[in-house]
Amino acid sequence: MGVRHAREYADILKDLTDAVGEIEESYTFFEMDPEEWEALGADDRREVMEALADDVFFGLGENPAIEVGQGHIAYNSKFHIIEVSQGDKVIHIIRLI
């Protein structure tokens, strides 16, 4: 199926990277523990979050909802958006067109 988009992928990836970086314990997606996460420098953390965003983007093409840390990421094909939620609040909306 795939996530349909008209925006440049690099722009979507940047927005999604920023969004997943705000999800509490998002690093657990890669089975990292808090000590491993804390040991990383800022550049390495950014790289991990970018890899996470990339994995999530392509994963949403197969499964329209993915749990990440204490958050939830969902692809809404009707409105061409990706919603990033934590708890019962949407914390980011990434527009795909």
N, C-alpha and C. Protein backbone atom coordinates (compact mmCIF):
# COMPACT_ATOMS: atom_id res chain seq x y z
N MET A 1 0.84 -1.18 0.00
CA MET A 1 0.00 0.00 0.00
C MET A 1 0.88 1.24 0.00
N GLY A 2 1.65 1.47 1.02
CA GLY A 2 2.53 2.64 1.08
C GLY A 2 1.82 3.89 1.56
N VAL A 3 2.60 4.79 2.09
CA VAL A 3 2.09 6.08 2.54
C VAL A 3 2.20 7.04 1.35
N ARG A 4 1.07 7.49 0.85
CA ARG A 4 1.08 8.39 -0.30
C ARG A 4 1.40 9.81 0.18
N HIS A 5 2.27 10.45 -0.58
CA HIS A 5 2.66 11.81 -0.21
C HIS A 5 3.06 12.60 -1.44
N ALA A 6 2.91 13.92 -1.35
CA ALA A 6 3.31 14.81 -2.43
C ALA A 6 4.43 15.74 -1.97
N ARG A 7 4.57 15.92 -0.66
CA ARG A 7 5.68 16.72 -0.14
C ARG A 7 6.98 15.96 -0.34
N GLU A 8 8.08 16.70 -0.34
CA GLU A 8 9.39 16.07 -0.41
C GLU A 8 9.57 15.15 0.80
N TYR A 9 10.10 13.95 0.54
CA TYR A 9 10.29 13.00 1.64
C TYR A 9 11.22 13.58 2.71
N ALA A 10 12.24 14.30 2.33
CA ALA A 10 13.19 14.87 3.29
C ALA A 10 12.47 15.81 4.26
N ASP A 11 11.50 16.57 3.77
CA ASP A 11 10.74 17.48 4.64
C ASP A 11 9.83 16.71 5.59
N ILE A 12 9.18 15.67 5.06
CA ILE A 12 8.33 14.83 5.91
C ILE A 12 9.18 14.16 6.98
N LEU A 13 10.34 13.63 6.58
CA LEU A 13 11.22 12.94 7.53
C LEU A 13 11.69 13.88 8.63
N LYS A 14 12.01 15.12 8.29
CA LYS A 14 12.44 16.08 9.31
C LYS A 14 11.31 16.31 10.32
N ASP A 15 10.10 16.56 9.82
CA ASP A 15 8.96 16.79 10.71
C ASP A 15 8.67 15.57 11.58
N LEU A 16 8.73 14.39 10.98
CA LEU A 16 8.44 13.17 11.73
C LEU A 16 9.54 12.88 12.75
N THR A 17 10.79 13.19 12.40
CA THR A 17 11.90 13.02 13.34
C THR A 17 11.70 13.91 14.56
N ASP A 18 11.33 15.16 14.33
CA ASP A 18 11.06 16.07 15.45
C ASP A 18 9.92 15.54 16.31
N ALA A 19 8.88 15.03 15.66
CA ALA A 19 7.70 14.55 16.39
C ALA A 19 8.01 13.32 17.23
N VAL A 20 8.68 12.32 16.66
CA VAL A 20 8.97 11.11 17.44
C VAL A 20 9.95 11.41 18.56
N GLY A 21 10.78 12.43 18.38
CA GLY A 21 11.70 12.82 19.44
C GLY A 21 11.02 13.36 20.67
N GLU A 22 9.77 13.79 20.53
CA GLU A 22 9.01 14.31 21.67
C GLU A 22 8.20 13.23 22.39
N ILE A 23 8.14 12.05 21.83
CA ILE A 23 7.41 10.96 22.48
C ILE A 23 8.26 10.40 23.62
N GLU A 24 7.68 10.32 24.79
CA GLU A 24 8.40 9.77 25.94
C GLU A 24 8.80 8.33 25.66
N GLU A 25 10.04 8.03 25.97
CA GLU A 25 10.61 6.69 25.82
C GLU A 25 10.54 6.15 24.40
N SER A 26 10.60 7.03 23.41
CA SER A 26 10.55 6.58 22.02
C SER A 26 11.73 5.67 21.66
N TYR A 27 12.83 5.84 22.34
CA TYR A 27 14.02 5.02 22.08
C TYR A 27 13.79 3.53 22.36
N THR A 28 12.75 3.20 23.14
CA THR A 28 12.47 1.80 23.44
C THR A 28 12.02 1.03 22.19
N PHE A 29 11.65 1.75 21.14
CA PHE A 29 11.31 1.11 19.88
C PHE A 29 12.48 0.25 19.39
N PHE A 30 13.70 0.70 19.66
CA PHE A 30 14.91 -0.02 19.29
C PHE A 30 15.46 -0.86 20.43
N GLU A 31 14.61 -1.11 21.42
CA GLU A 31 14.96 -1.93 22.58
C GLU A 31 16.16 -1.37 23.36
N MET A 32 16.27 -0.07 23.37
CA MET A 32 17.30 0.60 24.17
C MET A 32 16.75 0.82 25.57
N ASP A 33 17.62 0.77 26.56
CA ASP A 33 17.18 1.10 27.91
C ASP A 33 17.58 2.55 28.20
N PRO A 34 17.04 3.13 29.27
CA PRO A 34 17.31 4.54 29.57
C PRO A 34 18.80 4.86 29.69
N GLU A 35 19.58 3.94 30.23
CA GLU A 35 21.02 4.19 30.39
C GLU A 35 21.72 4.31 29.04
N GLU A 36 21.34 3.44 28.11
CA GLU A 36 21.92 3.51 26.77
C GLU A 36 21.57 4.83 26.08
N TRP A 37 20.31 5.24 26.23
CA TRP A 37 19.85 6.49 25.63
C TRP A 37 20.59 7.67 26.23
N GLU A 38 20.72 7.70 27.54
CA GLU A 38 21.40 8.81 28.22
C GLU A 38 22.88 8.89 27.84
N ALA A 39 23.48 7.76 27.49
CA ALA A 39 24.90 7.74 27.14
C ALA A 39 25.17 8.33 25.76
N LEU A 40 24.13 8.48 24.95
CA LEU A 40 24.31 9.02 23.60
C LEU A 40 24.43 10.55 23.63
N GLY A 41 25.23 11.07 22.74
CA GLY A 41 25.33 12.51 22.57
C GLY A 41 24.15 13.01 21.74
N ALA A 42 24.03 14.32 21.63
CA ALA A 42 22.91 14.93 20.92
C ALA A 42 22.85 14.50 19.45
N ASP A 43 23.99 14.46 18.77
CA ASP A 43 24.01 14.06 17.36
C ASP A 43 23.58 12.60 17.19
N ASP A 44 24.05 11.75 18.07
CA ASP A 44 23.67 10.34 18.00
C ASP A 44 22.18 10.15 18.30
N ARG A 45 21.66 10.90 19.24
CA ARG A 45 20.23 10.82 19.55
C ARG A 45 19.41 11.24 18.33
N ARG A 46 19.84 12.29 17.68
CA ARG A 46 19.14 12.77 16.48
C ARG A 46 19.16 11.69 15.39
N GLU A 47 20.29 11.03 15.23
CA GLU A 47 20.38 9.95 14.23
C GLU A 47 19.44 8.80 14.56
N VAL A 48 19.35 8.44 15.84
CA VAL A 48 18.44 7.37 16.26
C VAL A 48 16.99 7.78 15.98
N MET A 49 16.63 9.03 16.27
CA MET A 49 15.26 9.48 16.04
C MET A 49 14.96 9.55 14.54
N GLU A 50 15.95 9.91 13.73
CA GLU A 50 15.74 9.94 12.28
C GLU A 50 15.54 8.52 11.75
N ALA A 51 16.32 7.57 12.24
CA ALA A 51 16.14 6.17 11.84
C ALA A 51 14.76 5.67 12.27
N LEU A 52 14.33 6.06 13.46
CA LEU A 52 13.01 5.69 13.94
C LEU A 52 11.93 6.27 13.04
N ALA A 53 12.05 7.55 12.71
CA ALA A 53 11.06 8.20 11.85
C ALA A 53 11.00 7.51 10.48
N ASP A 54 12.15 7.17 9.93
CA ASP A 54 12.20 6.48 8.64
C ASP A 54 11.51 5.12 8.74
N ASP A 55 11.82 4.35 9.77
CA ASP A 55 11.20 3.04 9.97
C ASP A 55 9.69 3.17 10.12
N VAL A 56 9.26 4.15 10.90
CA VAL A 56 7.83 4.34 11.14
C VAL A 56 7.12 4.74 9.85
N PHE A 57 7.72 5.65 9.09
CA PHE A 57 7.08 6.10 7.85
C PHE A 57 6.80 4.90 6.94
N PHE A 58 7.80 4.08 6.72
CA PHE A 58 7.61 2.93 5.84
C PHE A 58 6.75 1.86 6.49
N GLY A 59 6.81 1.74 7.80
CA GLY A 59 5.95 0.80 8.51
C GLY A 59 4.48 1.16 8.41
N LEU A 60 4.19 2.45 8.36
CA LEU A 60 2.80 2.90 8.25
C LEU A 60 2.17 2.50 6.92
N GLY A 61 3.00 2.20 5.95
CA GLY A 61 2.49 1.72 4.68
C GLY A 61 1.91 0.32 4.78
N GLU A 62 2.35 -0.44 5.77
CA GLU A 62 1.86 -1.80 5.99
C GLU A 62 0.81 -1.86 7.11
N ASN A 63 1.01 -1.01 8.12
CA ASN A 63 0.14 -1.00 9.29
C ASN A 63 -0.18 0.46 9.58
N PRO A 64 -1.44 0.88 9.51
CA PRO A 64 -1.76 2.30 9.64
C PRO A 64 -1.58 2.89 11.05
N ALA A 65 -1.19 2.07 12.02
CA ALA A 65 -0.96 2.57 13.38
C ALA A 65 0.21 1.81 14.00
N ILE A 66 1.11 2.55 14.63
CA ILE A 66 2.30 1.95 15.24
C ILE A 66 2.50 2.56 16.62
N GLU A 67 2.75 1.71 17.61
CA GLU A 67 3.06 2.16 18.96
C GLU A 67 4.55 2.45 19.05
N VAL A 68 4.89 3.60 19.62
CA VAL A 68 6.29 4.00 19.80
C VAL A 68 6.43 4.55 21.21
N GLY A 69 7.25 3.89 22.03
CA GLY A 69 7.41 4.35 23.41
C GLY A 69 6.06 4.49 24.06
N GLN A 70 5.81 5.67 24.62
CA GLN A 70 4.52 5.93 25.26
C GLN A 70 3.57 6.66 24.31
N GLY A 71 3.84 6.55 23.02
CA GLY A 71 3.03 7.24 22.02
C GLY A 71 2.46 6.31 20.98
N HIS A 72 1.75 6.93 20.07
CA HIS A 72 1.03 6.23 19.02
C HIS A 72 1.14 7.07 17.76
N ILE A 73 1.47 6.43 16.64
CA ILE A 73 1.59 7.15 15.37
C ILE A 73 0.63 6.50 14.40
N ALA A 74 -0.20 7.32 13.74
CA ALA A 74 -1.22 6.79 12.84
C ALA A 74 -1.23 7.55 11.52
N TYR A 75 -1.40 6.79 10.44
CA TYR A 75 -1.52 7.34 9.10
C TYR A 75 -2.99 7.46 8.76
N ASN A 76 -3.43 8.67 8.45
CA ASN A 76 -4.81 8.92 8.05
C ASN A 76 -4.79 9.22 6.56
N SER A 77 -5.07 8.19 5.76
CA SER A 77 -4.99 8.35 4.30
C SER A 77 -6.07 9.27 3.76
N LYS A 78 -7.20 9.35 4.42
CA LYS A 78 -8.29 10.20 3.95
C LYS A 78 -7.88 11.68 3.97
N PHE A 79 -7.16 12.09 5.01
CA PHE A 79 -6.76 13.48 5.14
C PHE A 79 -5.29 13.72 4.80
N HIS A 80 -4.59 12.68 4.38
CA HIS A 80 -3.18 12.78 3.96
C HIS A 80 -2.30 13.36 5.06
N ILE A 81 -2.43 12.78 6.25
CA ILE A 81 -1.65 13.24 7.40
C ILE A 81 -1.15 12.03 8.21
N ILE A 82 -0.14 12.30 9.01
CA ILE A 82 0.32 11.36 10.02
C ILE A 82 0.10 12.07 11.36
N GLU A 83 -0.60 11.41 12.27
CA GLU A 83 -0.86 11.96 13.59
C GLU A 83 0.04 11.28 14.61
N VAL A 84 0.70 12.08 15.41
CA VAL A 84 1.56 11.57 16.47
C VAL A 84 0.89 11.94 17.79
N SER A 85 0.57 10.92 18.58
CA SER A 85 -0.17 11.14 19.83
C SER A 85 0.62 10.60 21.01
N GLN A 86 0.35 11.20 22.14
CA GLN A 86 0.88 10.70 23.41
C GLN A 86 -0.27 10.79 24.40
N GLY A 87 -0.57 9.67 25.02
CA GLY A 87 -1.76 9.64 25.86
C GLY A 87 -2.97 9.83 24.96
N ASP A 88 -3.87 10.69 25.35
CA ASP A 88 -5.05 10.93 24.53
C ASP A 88 -4.96 12.25 23.76
N LYS A 89 -3.74 12.79 23.62
CA LYS A 89 -3.56 14.06 22.92
C LYS A 89 -2.70 13.91 21.67
N VAL A 90 -3.15 14.53 20.60
CA VAL A 90 -2.34 14.58 19.39
C VAL A 90 -1.30 15.68 19.62
N ILE A 91 -0.02 15.30 19.51
CA ILE A 91 1.03 16.28 19.77
C ILE A 91 1.63 16.84 18.48
N HIS A 92 1.45 16.13 17.36
CA HIS A 92 1.94 16.62 16.07
C HIS A 92 1.05 16.07 14.96
N ILE A 93 0.89 16.88 13.93
CA ILE A 93 0.26 16.45 12.69
C ILE A 93 1.25 16.74 11.58
N ILE A 94 1.61 15.71 10.85
CA ILE A 94 2.54 15.88 9.73
C ILE A 94 1.74 15.79 8.46
N ARG A 95 1.76 16.85 7.70
CA ARG A 95 1.02 16.90 6.43
C ARG A 95 1.85 16.24 5.33
N LEU A 96 1.17 15.45 4.53
CA LEU A 96 1.85 14.69 3.49
C LEU A 96 1.69 15.31 2.10
N ILE A 97 0.83 16.30 1.99
CA ILE A 97 0.66 16.99 0.71
C ILE A 97 0.82 18.48 0.88
